[in-house]
Structures are given as C-alpha cells and as structure tokens.
C-alpha atoms as a PDB file:
ATOM      1  CA  MET A   1      -3.666   5.045   0.944  1.00  0.00           C
ATOM      2  CA  ILE A   2      -0.104   4.997   2.369  1.00  0.00           C
ATOM      3  CA  SER A   3       2.469   3.035   0.343  1.00  0.00           C
ATOM      4  CA  ARG A   4       4.937   0.640   1.985  1.00  0.00           C
ATOM      5  CA  GLU A   5       7.766   2.703   0.512  1.00  0.00           C
ATOM      6  CA  PHE A   6       6.484   5.930   2.145  1.00  0.00           C
ATOM      7  CA  GLY A   7       5.897   4.235   5.531  1.00  0.00           C
ATOM      8  CA  GLU A   8       9.295   2.752   5.714  1.00  0.00           C
ATOM      9  CA  GLY A   9      10.926   6.035   4.704  1.00  0.00           C
ATOM     10  CA  PHE A  10       8.879   7.892   7.308  1.00  0.00           C
ATOM     11  CA  ALA A  11       9.864   5.374  10.007  1.00  0.00           C
ATOM     12  CA  LYS A  12      13.565   5.595   9.080  1.00  0.00           C
ATOM     13  CA  GLU A  13      13.464   9.397   9.059  1.00  0.00           C
ATOM     14  CA  TRP A  14      11.596   9.486  12.419  1.00  0.00           C
ATOM     15  CA  VAL A  15      14.249   7.280  14.112  1.00  0.00           C
ATOM     16  CA  GLU A  16      17.065   9.250  12.534  1.00  0.00           C
ATOM     17  CA  ALA A  17      15.578  12.566  13.694  1.00  0.00           C
ATOM     18  CA  TRP A  18      15.426  11.275  17.331  1.00  0.00           C
ATOM     19  CA  ASN A  19      18.930  10.007  17.074  1.00  0.00           C
ATOM     20  CA  SER A  20      20.170  13.409  15.727  1.00  0.00           C
ATOM     21  CA  HIS A  21      18.622  15.091  18.807  1.00  0.00           C
ATOM     22  CA  ASP A  22      17.555  17.895  16.475  1.00  0.00           C
ATOM     23  CA  LEU A  23      14.270  18.985  18.109  1.00  0.00           C
ATOM     24  CA  GLU A  24      12.854  20.816  15.134  1.00  0.00           C
ATOM     25  CA  ARG A  25      13.505  17.792  12.925  1.00  0.00           C
ATOM     26  CA  ILE A  26      11.807  15.606  15.493  1.00  0.00           C
ATOM     27  CA  LEU A  27       8.774  17.930  15.689  1.00  0.00           C
ATOM     28  CA  SER A  28       8.472  18.078  11.939  1.00  0.00           C
ATOM     29  CA  HIS A  29       6.822  14.670  12.081  1.00  0.00           C
ATOM     30  CA  TYR A  30       3.863  15.990  14.084  1.00  0.00           C
ATOM     31  CA  SER A  31       0.958  18.414  13.515  1.00  0.00           C
ATOM     32  CA  GLU A  32       0.790  21.778  15.356  1.00  0.00           C
ATOM     33  CA  ASP A  33      -2.030  20.524  17.578  1.00  0.00           C
ATOM     34  CA  PHE A  34      -0.944  16.977  18.326  1.00  0.00           C
ATOM     35  CA  THR A  35      -1.477  15.560  21.846  1.00  0.00           C
ATOM     36  CA  MET A  36       0.830  13.196  23.648  1.00  0.00           C
ATOM     37  CA  SER A  37       0.449  11.434  26.971  1.00  0.00           C
ATOM     38  CA  SER A  38       2.902   9.764  29.189  1.00  0.00           C
ATOM     39  CA  PRO A  39       3.321   9.028  32.943  1.00  0.00           C
ATOM     40  CA  PHE A  40       6.629  10.806  32.729  1.00  0.00           C
ATOM     41  CA  ILE A  41       4.841  14.111  31.860  1.00  0.00           C
ATOM     42  CA  ALA A  42       3.245  14.003  35.321  1.00  0.00           C
ATOM     43  CA  GLN A  43       6.591  13.051  36.953  1.00  0.00           C
ATOM     44  CA  VAL A  44       8.940  15.402  35.083  1.00  0.00           C
ATOM     45  CA  ALA A  45       6.756  18.383  34.096  1.00  0.00           C
ATOM     46  CA  GLY A  46       4.414  18.231  37.031  1.00  0.00           C
ATOM     47  CA  ILE A  47       1.290  18.127  34.891  1.00  0.00           C
ATOM     48  CA  GLU A  48      -1.099  15.721  36.719  1.00  0.00           C
ATOM     49  CA  SER A  49      -3.090  14.699  33.622  1.00  0.00           C
ATOM     50  CA  GLY A  50      -0.031  13.351  31.949  1.00  0.00           C
ATOM     51  CA  TYR A  51      -1.117  15.087  28.649  1.00  0.00           C
ATOM     52  CA  LEU A  52       0.447  17.759  26.552  1.00  0.00           C
ATOM     53  CA  THR A  53      -1.233  19.425  23.503  1.00  0.00           C
ATOM     54  CA  GLY A  54       0.554  21.374  20.766  1.00  0.00           C
ATOM     55  CA  LYS A  55       4.093  21.655  19.543  1.00  0.00           C
ATOM     56  CA  ALA A  56       5.016  24.537  21.893  1.00  0.00           C
ATOM     57  CA  ALA A  57       4.171  22.422  25.085  1.00  0.00           C
ATOM     58  CA  VAL A  58       5.760  19.339  23.714  1.00  0.00           C
ATOM     59  CA  ARG A  59       8.829  21.218  22.439  1.00  0.00           C
ATOM     60  CA  ALA A  60       9.614  22.431  25.970  1.00  0.00           C
ATOM     61  CA  TYR A  61       9.092  18.902  27.434  1.00  0.00           C
ATOM     62  CA  TRP A  62      11.197  17.153  24.824  1.00  0.00           C
ATOM     63  CA  ALA A  63      13.991  19.800  25.028  1.00  0.00           C
ATOM     64  CA  ALA A  64      14.315  19.104  28.759  1.00  0.00           C
ATOM     65  CA  ALA A  65      14.256  15.378  28.161  1.00  0.00           C
ATOM     66  CA  LEU A  66      16.875  15.421  25.376  1.00  0.00           C
ATOM     67  CA  GLN A  67      19.129  17.555  27.646  1.00  0.00           C
ATOM     68  CA  LYS A  68      18.853  15.015  30.446  1.00  0.00           C
ATOM     69  CA  MET A  69      19.531  12.079  28.055  1.00  0.00           C
ATOM     70  CA  PRO A  70      22.337  13.098  25.693  1.00  0.00           C
ATOM     71  CA  THR A  71      23.028   9.580  24.647  1.00  0.00           C
ATOM     72  CA  LEU A  72      19.377   8.769  23.769  1.00  0.00           C
ATOM     73  CA  ARG A  73      19.269   6.449  20.733  1.00  0.00           C
ATOM     74  CA  PHE A  74      16.452   4.493  19.072  1.00  0.00           C
ATOM     75  CA  GLU A  75      16.815   1.413  16.878  1.00  0.00           C
ATOM     76  CA  LEU A  76      14.111   0.727  14.235  1.00  0.00           C
ATOM     77  CA  VAL A  77      12.738  -2.820  14.791  1.00  0.00           C
ATOM     78  CA  GLN A  78       9.790  -2.978  12.366  1.00  0.00           C
ATOM     79  CA  THR A  79       7.433  -0.708  10.364  1.00  0.00           C
ATOM     80  CA  LEU A  80       3.834  -1.619   9.940  1.00  0.00           C
ATOM     81  CA  VAL A  81       1.875   0.225   7.147  1.00  0.00           C
ATOM     82  CA  GLY A  82      -1.840   0.331   7.119  1.00  0.00           C
ATOM     83  CA  ALA A  83      -4.240   2.030   4.737  1.00  0.00           C
ATOM     84  CA  ASP A  84      -4.033   5.307   6.600  1.00  0.00           C
ATOM     85  CA  SER A  85      -1.433   4.785   9.352  1.00  0.00           C
ATOM     86  CA  VAL A  86       2.250   3.916  10.017  1.00  0.00           C
ATOM     87  CA  THR A  87       3.156   2.125  13.192  1.00  0.00           C
ATOM     88  CA  ILE A  88       6.900   2.195  14.138  1.00  0.00           C
ATOM     89  CA  TYR A  89       8.248  -0.437  16.422  1.00  0.00           C
ATOM     90  CA  TYR A  90      11.550   0.657  17.952  1.00  0.00           C
ATOM     91  CA  ARG A  91      13.961  -0.119  20.786  1.00  0.00           C
ATOM     92  CA  GLY A  92      14.965   2.631  23.110  1.00  0.00           C
ATOM     93  CA  VAL A  93      16.585   3.010  26.558  1.00  0.00           C
ATOM     94  CA  ARG A  94      13.516   1.496  28.254  1.00  0.00           C
ATOM     95  CA  GLY A  95      13.178  -1.383  25.914  1.00  0.00           C
ATOM     96  CA  ASN A  96      10.813  -1.971  23.033  1.00  0.00           C
ATOM     97  CA  ALA A  97       8.098   0.616  22.216  1.00  0.00           C
ATOM     98  CA  PHE A  98       5.918   1.759  19.400  1.00  0.00           C
ATOM     99  CA  LYS A  99       4.452   4.912  17.922  1.00  0.00           C
ATOM    100  CA  GLU A 100       1.501   5.072  15.647  1.00  0.00           C
ATOM    101  CA  PHE A 101       0.946   7.912  13.189  1.00  0.00           C
ATOM    102  CA  LEU A 102      -2.479   8.330  11.687  1.00  0.00           C
END
C-alpha cells in the first residue's frame, strides 16, 4: 500500500529531478527494464515503433531531448495515490500531461 505522504514526496522529487535536468536523477525513478512510448521517439530517434526499452536506450533519447530543450520545466498540478500506483499530473511545454508509476 502506498501512503499519500510517499506519493506526494515521489511526485515532488520527480518534477524537481526533471527541472534540474540531471539525467541520472531523472532515471533513478525508473527500473532498469522500463519501457516508454511516444510519437516523438519515431520522429526524433527514427524508431518506427515509437517504443524504447531499458535505461540505456531511454538515457540516450532523453539526453538528446534535454540538450534541445535547455529551458524545459514542469509544474506539479496534482498527485493521485492508489493502492499500488502514483499518478502525477503536471504542466510542461506542451500543456497538461500525466505519468503513472506502478
């Protein structure tokens, strides 16, 4: 069971990590084998599936993205805590977004 205190602290740290642009700090929130998908992966990295798996692949992609967006900043909007998940609603350069951690 995830406590509200843990979830809110996790969300705050996640946003602060992104705002610091410290790639290792950002990646510390993810498992070694996590998978991410985005239409921008296909556009930017040329990977047609739009999926990346593992920290090494995501590290390279995010490093390039952070270099292209040196003023990237997120604003925490809301944190939702479930029994076994945390959902972070935030505002970024493209508007409102969310990220769920299981």
